[in-house]
Structures are given as structure tokens and as C-alpha cells.
Amino acid sequence: MLISDIIPYDRNARHNERAIPKVAESIREFGLRGTIGLESRENPVIVFGHTRVAACKSLGWTEIPDSKIEFCDDLTPDQIRLARARIPRA
């Protein structure tokens, strides 16, 4: 999926800008190991993985491999809200 198509969640409570260089270095060394959760293909708003997306962007990536994208369209809006609150992000 193109990074330019991924929409950051505008009310993301976590601001991990300081972690981006460390996550980017980890991705550079070990590859992208975690997944990025998006609401759905039609509404690719980030549920989890904001820092991973920012780190990939900082590395010059233009695309996230499909195998590293999870779509959360099987969750209700309340479940997505809870996932955003509970899922620890790097």
C-alpha cells in the first residue's frame, strides 16, 4: 500500500516523534517486523502503527508491503476506539 494513501488518525493520543529515528534504525537493520493496522481498504486511517509509518517514511519508503498491513474492518467502531487506546505502539 502506498504510504501516501495511509491517513494518520487525527486524534492520535501518542506523540512518539522522538522514537521515529530509533524505530527507523530498527527497520533499517531488521526490516519491518510489526504490522500497521488500518480501519479498512476504503478508509485507510491508522488504528495502530503511526510511528512505524513515520519511520518508514523517514527512510524514504513510498510503500508498505501488503503483508505488513492489517485491516480492522471486522471490528466495530467501539472496538477500534478501544484498540487505539490499548495497543502499545513503537
C-alpha atoms as a PDB file:
ATOM      1  CA  MET A   1       0.000   0.000   0.000  1.00  0.00           C
ATOM      2  CA  LEU A   2       1.285   3.439  -0.849  1.00  0.00           C
ATOM      3  CA  ILE A   3       2.263   5.433   2.216  1.00  0.00           C
ATOM      4  CA  SER A   4       0.656   8.478   0.623  1.00  0.00           C
ATOM      5  CA  ASP A   5      -2.697   6.627   0.776  1.00  0.00           C
ATOM      6  CA  ILE A   6      -2.404   5.955   4.521  1.00  0.00           C
ATOM      7  CA  ILE A   7      -4.227   8.519   6.654  1.00  0.00           C
ATOM      8  CA  PRO A   8      -2.926   9.293  10.157  1.00  0.00           C
ATOM      9  CA  TYR A   9      -5.612   9.272  12.844  1.00  0.00           C
ATOM     10  CA  ASP A  10      -6.001  12.969  13.641  1.00  0.00           C
ATOM     11  CA  ARG A  11      -6.748  12.345  17.322  1.00  0.00           C
ATOM     12  CA  ASN A  12      -3.812  10.003  17.933  1.00  0.00           C
ATOM     13  CA  ALA A  13      -3.039  10.440  21.621  1.00  0.00           C
ATOM     14  CA  ARG A  14       0.515   9.192  21.350  1.00  0.00           C
ATOM     15  CA  HIS A  15       3.137  11.562  20.044  1.00  0.00           C
ATOM     16  CA  ASN A  16       6.241   9.461  19.504  1.00  0.00           C
ATOM     17  CA  GLU A  17       8.263  11.801  17.306  1.00  0.00           C
ATOM     18  CA  ARG A  18      11.380  11.163  19.425  1.00  0.00           C
ATOM     19  CA  ALA A  19      11.033   7.403  18.796  1.00  0.00           C
ATOM     20  CA  ILE A  20      10.935   7.691  14.996  1.00  0.00           C
ATOM     21  CA  PRO A  21      14.743   7.641  14.472  1.00  0.00           C
ATOM     22  CA  LYS A  22      15.136   4.584  16.717  1.00  0.00           C
ATOM     23  CA  VAL A  23      12.283   2.736  15.018  1.00  0.00           C
ATOM     24  CA  ALA A  24      13.701   3.696  11.613  1.00  0.00           C
ATOM     25  CA  GLU A  25      17.117   2.329  12.598  1.00  0.00           C
ATOM     26  CA  SER A  26      15.489  -0.916  13.744  1.00  0.00           C
ATOM     27  CA  ILE A  27      13.582  -1.201  10.454  1.00  0.00           C
ATOM     28  CA  ARG A  28      16.772  -0.490   8.513  1.00  0.00           C
ATOM     29  CA  GLU A  29      18.634  -3.194  10.422  1.00  0.00           C
ATOM     30  CA  PHE A  30      15.972  -5.878  10.843  1.00  0.00           C
ATOM     31  CA  GLY A  31      13.213  -4.999   8.383  1.00  0.00           C
ATOM     32  CA  LEU A  32       9.644  -4.055   9.206  1.00  0.00           C
ATOM     33  CA  ARG A  33       8.674  -6.662  11.792  1.00  0.00           C
ATOM     34  CA  GLY A  34       5.397  -5.327  13.140  1.00  0.00           C
ATOM     35  CA  THR A  35       2.170  -4.614  11.344  1.00  0.00           C
ATOM     36  CA  ILE A  36       0.239  -1.444  10.711  1.00  0.00           C
ATOM     37  CA  GLY A  37      -3.482  -1.515  11.423  1.00  0.00           C
ATOM     38  CA  LEU A  38      -5.845   0.437   9.204  1.00  0.00           C
ATOM     39  CA  GLU A  39      -9.596   0.824   9.588  1.00  0.00           C
ATOM     40  CA  SER A  40     -10.334  -0.620   6.112  1.00  0.00           C
ATOM     41  CA  ARG A  41      -9.205  -0.552   2.481  1.00  0.00           C
ATOM     42  CA  GLU A  42     -11.838   2.093   1.747  1.00  0.00           C
ATOM     43  CA  ASN A  43     -10.908   4.173   4.819  1.00  0.00           C
ATOM     44  CA  PRO A  44      -7.180   3.604   5.430  1.00  0.00           C
ATOM     45  CA  VAL A  45      -6.990   5.569   8.684  1.00  0.00           C
ATOM     46  CA  ILE A  46      -4.331   4.275  11.065  1.00  0.00           C
ATOM     47  CA  VAL A  47      -5.582   2.306  14.066  1.00  0.00           C
ATOM     48  CA  PHE A  48      -2.079   1.358  15.202  1.00  0.00           C
ATOM     49  CA  GLY A  49       1.378   1.834  13.752  1.00  0.00           C
ATOM     50  CA  HIS A  50       1.720   5.618  13.438  1.00  0.00           C
ATOM     51  CA  THR A  51       5.375   5.507  14.479  1.00  0.00           C
ATOM     52  CA  ARG A  52       6.162   2.648  12.096  1.00  0.00           C
ATOM     53  CA  VAL A  53       4.604   4.555   9.194  1.00  0.00           C
ATOM     54  CA  ALA A  54       6.543   7.714  10.096  1.00  0.00           C
ATOM     55  CA  ALA A  55       9.772   5.704  10.411  1.00  0.00           C
ATOM     56  CA  CYS A  56       9.268   4.071   7.006  1.00  0.00           C
ATOM     57  CA  LYS A  57       8.564   7.492   5.527  1.00  0.00           C
ATOM     58  CA  SER A  58      11.776   8.857   7.093  1.00  0.00           C
ATOM     59  CA  LEU A  59      13.685   6.027   5.398  1.00  0.00           C
ATOM     60  CA  GLY A  60      12.359   7.145   2.038  1.00  0.00           C
ATOM     61  CA  TRP A  61       9.873   4.314   1.634  1.00  0.00           C
ATOM     62  CA  THR A  62       6.894   5.060  -0.562  1.00  0.00           C
ATOM     63  CA  GLU A  63       5.073   1.807   0.088  1.00  0.00           C
ATOM     64  CA  ILE A  64       4.315  -0.561   2.965  1.00  0.00           C
ATOM     65  CA  PRO A  65       4.291  -4.240   1.924  1.00  0.00           C
ATOM     66  CA  ASP A  66       0.745  -5.640   1.886  1.00  0.00           C
ATOM     67  CA  SER A  67       1.882  -8.414   4.220  1.00  0.00           C
ATOM     68  CA  LYS A  68       2.521  -5.757   6.891  1.00  0.00           C
ATOM     69  CA  ILE A  69      -0.955  -4.205   6.691  1.00  0.00           C
ATOM     70  CA  GLU A  70      -3.848  -5.396   8.861  1.00  0.00           C
ATOM     71  CA  PHE A  71      -7.328  -4.175   8.055  1.00  0.00           C
ATOM     72  CA  CYS A  72      -9.617  -3.794  11.046  1.00  0.00           C
ATOM     73  CA  ASP A  73     -12.878  -3.814   9.118  1.00  0.00           C
ATOM     74  CA  ASP A  74     -14.050  -6.805  11.124  1.00  0.00           C
ATOM     75  CA  LEU A  75     -14.125  -4.603  14.254  1.00  0.00           C
ATOM     76  CA  THR A  76     -16.917  -2.311  15.361  1.00  0.00           C
ATOM     77  CA  PRO A  77     -16.216   1.414  15.771  1.00  0.00           C
ATOM     78  CA  ASP A  78     -16.160   0.884  19.555  1.00  0.00           C
ATOM     79  CA  GLN A  79     -13.626  -1.922  19.214  1.00  0.00           C
ATOM     80  CA  ILE A  80     -11.430   0.268  17.005  1.00  0.00           C
ATOM     81  CA  ARG A  81     -11.639   3.052  19.592  1.00  0.00           C
ATOM     82  CA  LEU A  82     -10.570   0.613  22.310  1.00  0.00           C
ATOM     83  CA  ALA A  83      -7.765  -0.774  20.129  1.00  0.00           C
ATOM     84  CA  ARG A  84      -6.417   2.733  19.610  1.00  0.00           C
ATOM     85  CA  ALA A  85      -6.400   3.250  23.362  1.00  0.00           C
ATOM     86  CA  ARG A  86      -4.838  -0.085  24.326  1.00  0.00           C
ATOM     87  CA  ILE A  87      -2.405  -1.213  21.651  1.00  0.00           C
ATOM     88  CA  PRO A  88       1.137  -0.220  22.580  1.00  0.00           C
ATOM     89  CA  ARG A  89       2.921   1.312  19.631  1.00  0.00           C
ATOM     90  CA  ALA A  90       6.601   1.593  18.979  1.00  0.00           C
END
